[in-house]
Structures are given as structure tokens and as C-alpha cells.
Amino acid sequence: MTFPTVTTAELRTVESVLDMGGGYVLDFSNRTFADFFQEQGIDIYDPRYEDGGTSKANRLRSFLRSTPPPRSGQILAALLDYRQSGGGEDLHADTLARYLAVVQRLGGSTPASVRAQPQGPVTEAALLAHLFKPEVFARLPGDATLHAVLVARMREAQRCVEHEAWLSAVILSGSVLEGMALGFGAAQPERVNRAYAAQYGKGAPRLADWKLHEWITVLTRLRAFSPNVEKFGHALRDFRNYVHPAEQLAHGFSPDGHTARISFHVVQAAAEDLVRFCEGDAP
């Protein structure tokens, strides 16, 4: 039987986050390394994890290559939790996002230490903790056909990120954000039209004619979008305008991996905001 194991690129991310240089893993001694895995029900010093060598780093590499999801993802999540709870140097937001993507693909979930980071100012790290969860989109306002289209576009955007098609990922992410906003508006037309009129001092146009910046502003006014989604949603809107070559040339900017990941994750955060709002737990 085959199962998805950690890829070479993913392993590089894991090695960077878990400080696996020189055979080490974080600040573990041999004893605490064994104890950590024992708490997870694993004997990391079993000979089966020695195919790459006997150092702690090599044992972890062997474990990740030989252990199927969701166990491998759960261990990576627990190791990140250990790192974050130890008060060490903060991870760069993009590095954290790449590590969390590995955790998610291998069946783990965002650890509590990441979810509980102080929110205070709007931060990229807080945004990037929102991993893609297709099941959230099924709870959005709108019909099942719309939900299926949004999830399909998110999956395609995710593949674009993985294959470094940055501009395509941004454009797809922007289309999903606009689609879910329109679905919300179609479900609550009177509410969004009143908010539009109050915001702009004029009657609202047809919902299909709203621009993305209007959706973001109005849904933030309704408290359906959080400050994170408002800030990074407007940034996504700006980046998405590079679908027009003249716009991209005028600004002399091309989206990179960081831009693409921010764009992708803000859409997931927006979906979670809308679900909370519609289910009575507005941010």
C-alpha cells in the first residue's frame, strides 16, 4: 500500500523549522527526544527508524518517510507546538505557512500554540494559521453548486502555489473571495444593501455589479469580516488587478510566493469569518 509521505521540498521546510542541522532536533537531548515520542506512543529509537543514521535528525527523517498520515502530520504539529511553546525566536510568517501546509497535507492540524498567538495588531502569522478546509465552504451562504465551484478554485489555487504559479494563484484566490461575498449578499440582500447605502451615501447597485473593494468594505462594516481579512483582502484585491498586463507594468511588481500564500490564506480566513457571522458568532 502506498501513502503520501513527506516530499524533499517539504522536508527542507521541516528541517529549517525544527533546527535539524548537525543531527539535532530543536533543543532535544537523546532522553527528552525519546520521552517526547513516547508521550505520542512511538518508540523513536526502534531500529526501523535507523535507515538514514542514528542521529535524532535522521531518526525523524526516517519516521516521516515511513509513517502514513495522519500520524506523521500529528507528530509534526506536536513538534511545532513544542517549538512555539518554548519561547524561541518567532518564525517568519512565510516559513510558518509552509510548515503548516506540510502538517495539513499529512493529516495534522494547527497546534494550539499557533492558534493562541496574541492577535493585537493585524499580523500575517495569524492569517497564515488558517489552513484550507473545504468543509468550511459547504457552510457558507449559497447553494451547493456555488460551494463546489469555490472549493474547486481553491484547490486549483493551492496547486498553483505548490508549482510556483504565483500570479495564477492570486487571481484564483481573488475570484473565490468575490464569489463567496456575492453568495453572502444574495442570501442577505436587504442587509448588505442597507450597509452599502450607509457606507457610501447612495443606493446600492445590483449585487452582481459590486466591486471587490465594496464587498470587503461593506462586509467589514457589518462585522462579517475581521480586521485581518479587511487588511489583507484589500491587498489581494490590488494584486488581483495584475490580471491586466498594463496594470502590472504600471506598478512594476510581480506577485511572489509570499504574496500568493497570503492571498490564498486570506480567502480561507474570510470563509471562516462568514461562517461564524452567519451561525451567530460574529467576530
Protein backbone atom coordinates (compact mmCIF):
# COMPACT_ATOMS: atom_id res chain seq x y z
CA MET A 1 0.00 0.00 0.00
CA THR A 2 1.27 3.49 -0.83
CA PHE A 3 0.57 6.65 1.12
CA PRO A 4 1.65 10.31 0.85
CA THR A 5 4.97 10.81 2.62
CA VAL A 6 6.96 13.97 3.15
CA THR A 7 8.49 15.30 -0.08
CA THR A 8 12.04 16.57 -0.46
CA ALA A 9 10.87 20.19 -0.56
CA GLU A 10 8.64 19.67 2.47
CA LEU A 11 11.49 18.02 4.35
CA ARG A 12 13.66 21.09 3.78
CA THR A 13 10.95 23.21 5.41
CA VAL A 14 10.70 20.80 8.34
CA GLU A 15 14.49 20.79 8.78
CA SER A 16 14.57 24.58 8.84
CA VAL A 17 11.76 24.98 11.37
CA LEU A 18 12.97 22.18 13.66
CA ASP A 19 16.65 23.23 13.55
CA MET A 20 17.79 19.83 12.28
CA GLY A 21 21.36 20.79 11.42
CA GLY A 22 24.20 18.61 12.70
CA GLY A 23 21.88 15.75 13.58
CA TYR A 24 19.96 17.68 16.21
CA VAL A 25 16.22 18.39 16.51
CA LEU A 26 15.41 21.64 18.34
CA ASP A 27 16.85 21.52 21.88
CA PHE A 28 16.09 17.83 22.50
CA SER A 29 18.61 15.65 24.25
CA ASN A 30 18.56 11.93 23.46
CA ARG A 31 16.48 11.34 26.59
CA THR A 32 13.96 14.16 26.07
CA PHE A 33 13.66 13.22 22.39
CA ALA A 34 12.76 9.66 23.39
CA ASP A 35 10.37 10.96 26.06
CA PHE A 36 8.62 13.28 23.61
CA PHE A 37 7.91 10.47 21.17
CA GLN A 38 7.00 8.07 23.96
CA GLU A 39 4.26 10.51 25.01
CA GLN A 40 2.97 10.21 21.45
CA GLY A 41 3.01 6.41 21.68
CA ILE A 42 6.10 6.00 19.48
CA ASP A 43 9.46 4.37 20.17
CA ILE A 44 11.65 6.64 18.06
CA TYR A 45 14.71 4.55 18.98
CA ASP A 46 13.22 1.46 17.35
CA PRO A 47 15.75 0.11 14.77
CA ARG A 48 13.20 0.67 12.00
CA TYR A 49 13.98 4.42 12.23
CA GLU A 50 17.73 3.96 11.69
CA ASP A 51 17.80 3.53 7.91
CA GLY A 52 19.32 7.00 7.44
CA GLY A 53 21.55 7.01 10.51
CA THR A 54 21.17 7.09 14.28
CA SER A 55 21.12 10.83 14.99
CA LYS A 56 17.90 12.46 16.19
CA ALA A 57 17.50 14.30 12.89
CA ASN A 58 17.99 11.12 10.85
CA ARG A 59 15.53 9.21 13.03
CA LEU A 60 12.91 11.92 12.46
CA ARG A 61 13.54 11.87 8.70
CA SER A 62 13.14 8.10 8.68
CA PHE A 63 9.96 8.35 10.73
CA LEU A 64 8.43 10.88 8.32
CA ARG A 65 9.33 8.81 5.26
CA SER A 66 7.90 5.60 6.71
CA THR A 67 4.84 6.73 8.64
CA PRO A 68 1.50 7.37 6.90
CA PRO A 69 -0.90 10.24 7.59
CA PRO A 70 -2.43 11.30 9.84
CA ARG A 71 0.23 10.12 12.31
CA SER A 72 3.11 11.89 10.56
CA GLY A 73 1.14 15.16 10.39
CA GLN A 74 0.15 14.89 14.04
CA ILE A 75 3.78 14.48 15.11
CA LEU A 76 4.87 17.47 13.04
CA ALA A 77 2.08 19.53 14.64
CA ALA A 78 3.21 18.41 18.11
CA LEU A 79 6.83 19.32 17.31
CA LEU A 80 5.74 22.78 16.15
CA ASP A 81 3.71 23.17 19.35
CA TYR A 82 6.83 22.23 21.36
CA ARG A 83 8.90 24.79 19.43
CA GLN A 84 6.36 27.59 19.73
CA SER A 85 5.73 26.95 23.42
CA GLY A 86 9.43 27.10 24.22
CA GLY A 87 9.66 30.86 23.74
CA GLY A 88 12.23 30.67 20.94
CA GLU A 89 12.69 33.05 18.04
CA ASP A 90 9.49 33.68 16.11
CA LEU A 91 9.18 32.02 12.72
CA HIS A 92 8.86 34.15 9.61
CA ALA A 93 5.21 34.15 8.53
CA ASP A 94 6.00 32.56 5.18
CA THR A 95 8.06 29.79 6.79
CA LEU A 96 5.27 29.11 9.27
CA ALA A 97 2.76 28.94 6.43
CA ARG A 98 4.86 26.40 4.51
CA TYR A 99 5.32 24.24 7.60
CA LEU A 100 1.60 24.35 8.41
CA ALA A 101 0.85 23.33 4.82
CA VAL A 102 3.00 20.21 5.34
CA VAL A 103 1.21 19.48 8.62
CA GLN A 104 -2.17 19.79 6.92
CA ARG A 105 -1.27 17.65 3.90
CA LEU A 106 -0.07 14.90 6.20
CA GLY A 107 -3.24 14.91 8.27
CA GLY A 108 -2.31 17.15 11.21
CA SER A 109 -3.97 20.34 12.43
CA THR A 110 -2.77 23.76 13.55
CA PRO A 111 -1.42 23.41 17.12
CA ALA A 112 -2.92 25.41 19.96
CA SER A 113 0.24 27.47 20.47
CA VAL A 114 -0.12 28.90 16.95
CA ARG A 115 -3.88 29.49 17.19
CA ALA A 116 -3.41 31.22 20.55
CA GLN A 117 -0.79 33.75 19.44
CA PRO A 118 -1.70 37.32 20.54
CA GLN A 119 -3.77 38.94 17.84
CA GLY A 120 -3.31 42.62 18.82
CA PRO A 121 -2.11 44.27 15.62
CA VAL A 122 -3.13 42.63 12.37
CA THR A 123 -0.43 40.04 11.70
CA GLU A 124 0.48 37.84 8.78
CA ALA A 125 1.24 34.93 11.12
CA ALA A 126 -2.32 34.98 12.45
CA LEU A 127 -3.67 34.97 8.92
CA LEU A 128 -1.43 32.15 7.74
CA ALA A 129 -2.63 29.91 10.56
CA HIS A 130 -5.89 29.49 8.61
CA LEU A 131 -5.34 26.29 6.66
CA PHE A 132 -7.54 25.36 3.72
CA LYS A 133 -10.58 23.43 4.93
CA PRO A 134 -13.01 22.57 2.12
CA GLU A 135 -15.72 21.62 4.62
CA VAL A 136 -15.96 25.26 5.76
CA PHE A 137 -17.10 26.32 2.30
CA ALA A 138 -20.07 23.95 2.49
CA ARG A 139 -21.39 26.05 5.41
CA LEU A 140 -21.26 29.35 3.53
CA PRO A 141 -24.45 31.05 2.33
CA GLY A 142 -25.42 29.98 -1.18
CA ASP A 143 -26.19 26.74 -2.90
CA ALA A 144 -24.14 23.57 -3.18
CA THR A 145 -23.22 24.31 -6.79
CA LEU A 146 -21.56 27.58 -5.81
CA HIS A 147 -19.74 25.88 -2.94
CA ALA A 148 -18.38 23.23 -5.31
CA VAL A 149 -17.07 25.87 -7.71
CA LEU A 150 -15.39 27.80 -4.88
CA VAL A 151 -13.70 24.68 -3.50
CA ALA A 152 -12.54 23.64 -6.98
CA ARG A 153 -10.96 27.06 -7.49
CA MET A 154 -9.30 26.92 -4.08
CA ARG A 155 -7.82 23.53 -4.90
CA GLU A 156 -6.54 24.88 -8.21
CA ALA A 157 -5.08 27.95 -6.45
CA GLN A 158 -3.38 25.61 -3.98
CA ARG A 159 -1.80 23.69 -6.85
CA CYS A 160 -0.65 26.97 -8.37
CA VAL A 161 1.09 27.88 -5.11
CA GLU A 162 2.75 24.47 -4.94
CA HIS A 163 4.04 24.83 -8.51
CA GLU A 164 5.09 28.49 -8.13
CA ALA A 165 2.44 29.89 -10.48
CA TRP A 166 2.14 32.91 -8.22
CA LEU A 167 0.04 35.25 -10.37
CA SER A 168 -2.45 32.50 -11.22
CA ALA A 169 -2.83 31.68 -7.51
CA VAL A 170 -3.57 35.33 -6.71
CA ILE A 171 -6.14 35.70 -9.48
CA LEU A 172 -7.95 32.49 -8.50
CA SER A 173 -7.94 33.47 -4.82
CA GLY A 174 -9.46 36.85 -5.63
CA SER A 175 -12.20 35.21 -7.67
CA VAL A 176 -13.11 32.94 -4.73
CA LEU A 177 -13.22 35.86 -2.30
CA GLU A 178 -15.55 37.75 -4.63
CA GLY A 179 -17.70 34.66 -5.21
CA MET A 180 -18.24 33.97 -1.52
CA ALA A 181 -19.04 37.64 -0.87
CA LEU A 182 -21.64 37.62 -3.63
CA GLY A 183 -23.12 34.41 -2.20
CA PHE A 184 -23.42 36.10 1.19
CA GLY A 185 -25.05 39.16 -0.38
CA ALA A 186 -27.52 37.08 -2.36
CA ALA A 187 -28.58 35.38 0.89
CA GLN A 188 -28.97 38.68 2.77
CA PRO A 189 -29.67 41.35 0.09
CA GLU A 190 -31.54 43.82 2.29
CA ARG A 191 -28.87 43.76 4.93
CA VAL A 192 -25.94 44.35 2.58
CA ASN A 193 -27.83 46.98 0.56
CA ARG A 194 -28.55 48.98 3.73
CA ALA A 195 -24.91 48.73 4.78
CA TYR A 196 -23.79 49.83 1.32
CA ALA A 197 -26.07 52.88 1.41
CA ALA A 198 -24.83 53.80 4.89
CA GLN A 199 -21.20 53.41 3.83
CA TYR A 200 -21.31 55.24 0.52
CA GLY A 201 -24.28 57.61 0.95
CA LYS A 202 -26.08 56.33 -2.13
CA GLY A 203 -28.24 53.45 -3.23
CA ALA A 204 -26.55 50.12 -3.82
CA PRO A 205 -26.11 48.87 -7.40
CA ARG A 206 -27.13 45.36 -8.42
CA LEU A 207 -25.22 42.84 -6.34
CA ALA A 208 -23.59 41.43 -9.46
CA ASP A 209 -22.14 44.89 -10.20
CA TRP A 210 -20.42 45.38 -6.84
CA LYS A 211 -16.64 45.67 -6.97
CA LEU A 212 -14.50 43.56 -4.67
CA HIS A 213 -13.33 46.55 -2.64
CA GLU A 214 -17.01 47.40 -1.98
CA TRP A 215 -17.72 43.88 -0.77
CA ILE A 216 -14.75 43.94 1.57
CA THR A 217 -15.65 47.36 2.97
CA VAL A 218 -19.34 46.59 3.45
CA LEU A 219 -18.81 43.16 4.99
CA THR A 220 -16.27 44.67 7.37
CA ARG A 221 -18.82 47.34 8.31
CA LEU A 222 -21.28 44.54 9.11
CA ARG A 223 -18.54 42.84 11.19
CA ALA A 224 -18.83 39.81 8.95
CA PHE A 225 -15.12 40.25 8.10
CA SER A 226 -12.41 40.59 10.73
CA PRO A 227 -9.61 43.23 10.61
CA ASN A 228 -7.20 40.62 9.23
CA VAL A 229 -9.49 39.86 6.31
CA GLU A 230 -10.18 43.53 5.68
CA LYS A 231 -6.49 44.47 5.53
CA PHE A 232 -5.21 41.53 3.53
CA GLY A 233 -8.39 41.26 1.47
CA HIS A 234 -7.78 44.77 0.12
CA ALA A 235 -4.18 43.78 -0.62
CA LEU A 236 -5.43 40.72 -2.50
CA ARG A 237 -7.78 42.94 -4.48
CA ASP A 238 -4.85 45.15 -5.50
CA PHE A 239 -2.71 42.19 -6.52
CA ARG A 240 -5.57 40.62 -8.45
CA ASN A 241 -5.70 43.69 -10.67
CA TYR A 242 -2.44 42.45 -12.21
CA VAL A 243 -4.62 40.21 -14.36
CA HIS A 244 -4.37 43.26 -16.63
CA PRO A 245 -0.81 43.37 -18.04
CA ALA A 246 -0.88 47.16 -18.29
CA GLU A 247 -1.70 47.40 -14.58
CA GLN A 248 1.21 45.13 -13.70
CA LEU A 249 3.60 47.09 -15.90
CA ALA A 250 2.45 50.39 -14.43
CA HIS A 251 3.30 49.25 -10.91
CA GLY A 252 6.41 47.27 -11.85
CA PHE A 253 5.52 44.47 -9.43
CA SER A 254 5.06 40.74 -9.83
CA PRO A 255 3.47 38.56 -7.12
CA ASP A 256 5.88 36.16 -5.44
CA GLY A 257 5.41 33.10 -3.22
CA HIS A 258 4.73 35.18 -0.13
CA THR A 259 2.08 37.25 -1.93
CA ALA A 260 0.43 34.11 -3.31
CA ARG A 261 0.28 32.39 0.09
CA ILE A 262 -1.13 35.47 1.81
CA SER A 263 -3.78 35.71 -0.92
CA PHE A 264 -4.71 32.04 -0.59
CA HIS A 265 -4.95 32.06 3.19
CA VAL A 266 -6.96 35.29 3.41
CA VAL A 267 -9.71 33.53 1.44
CA GLN A 268 -9.85 30.70 3.96
CA ALA A 269 -9.92 33.24 6.80
CA ALA A 270 -12.75 35.10 5.06
CA ALA A 271 -14.75 31.89 4.71
CA GLU A 272 -14.34 31.17 8.41
CA ASP A 273 -15.40 34.74 9.27
CA LEU A 274 -18.57 34.47 7.17
CA VAL A 275 -19.48 31.11 8.67
CA ARG A 276 -19.05 32.44 12.21
CA PHE A 277 -21.11 35.50 11.38
CA CYS A 278 -23.94 33.55 9.77
CA GLU A 279 -24.00 30.98 12.56
CA GLY A 280 -24.27 33.65 15.26
CA ASP A 281 -20.67 34.05 16.44
CA ALA A 282 -19.66 37.27 14.71
CA PRO A 283 -16.01 38.34 15.19
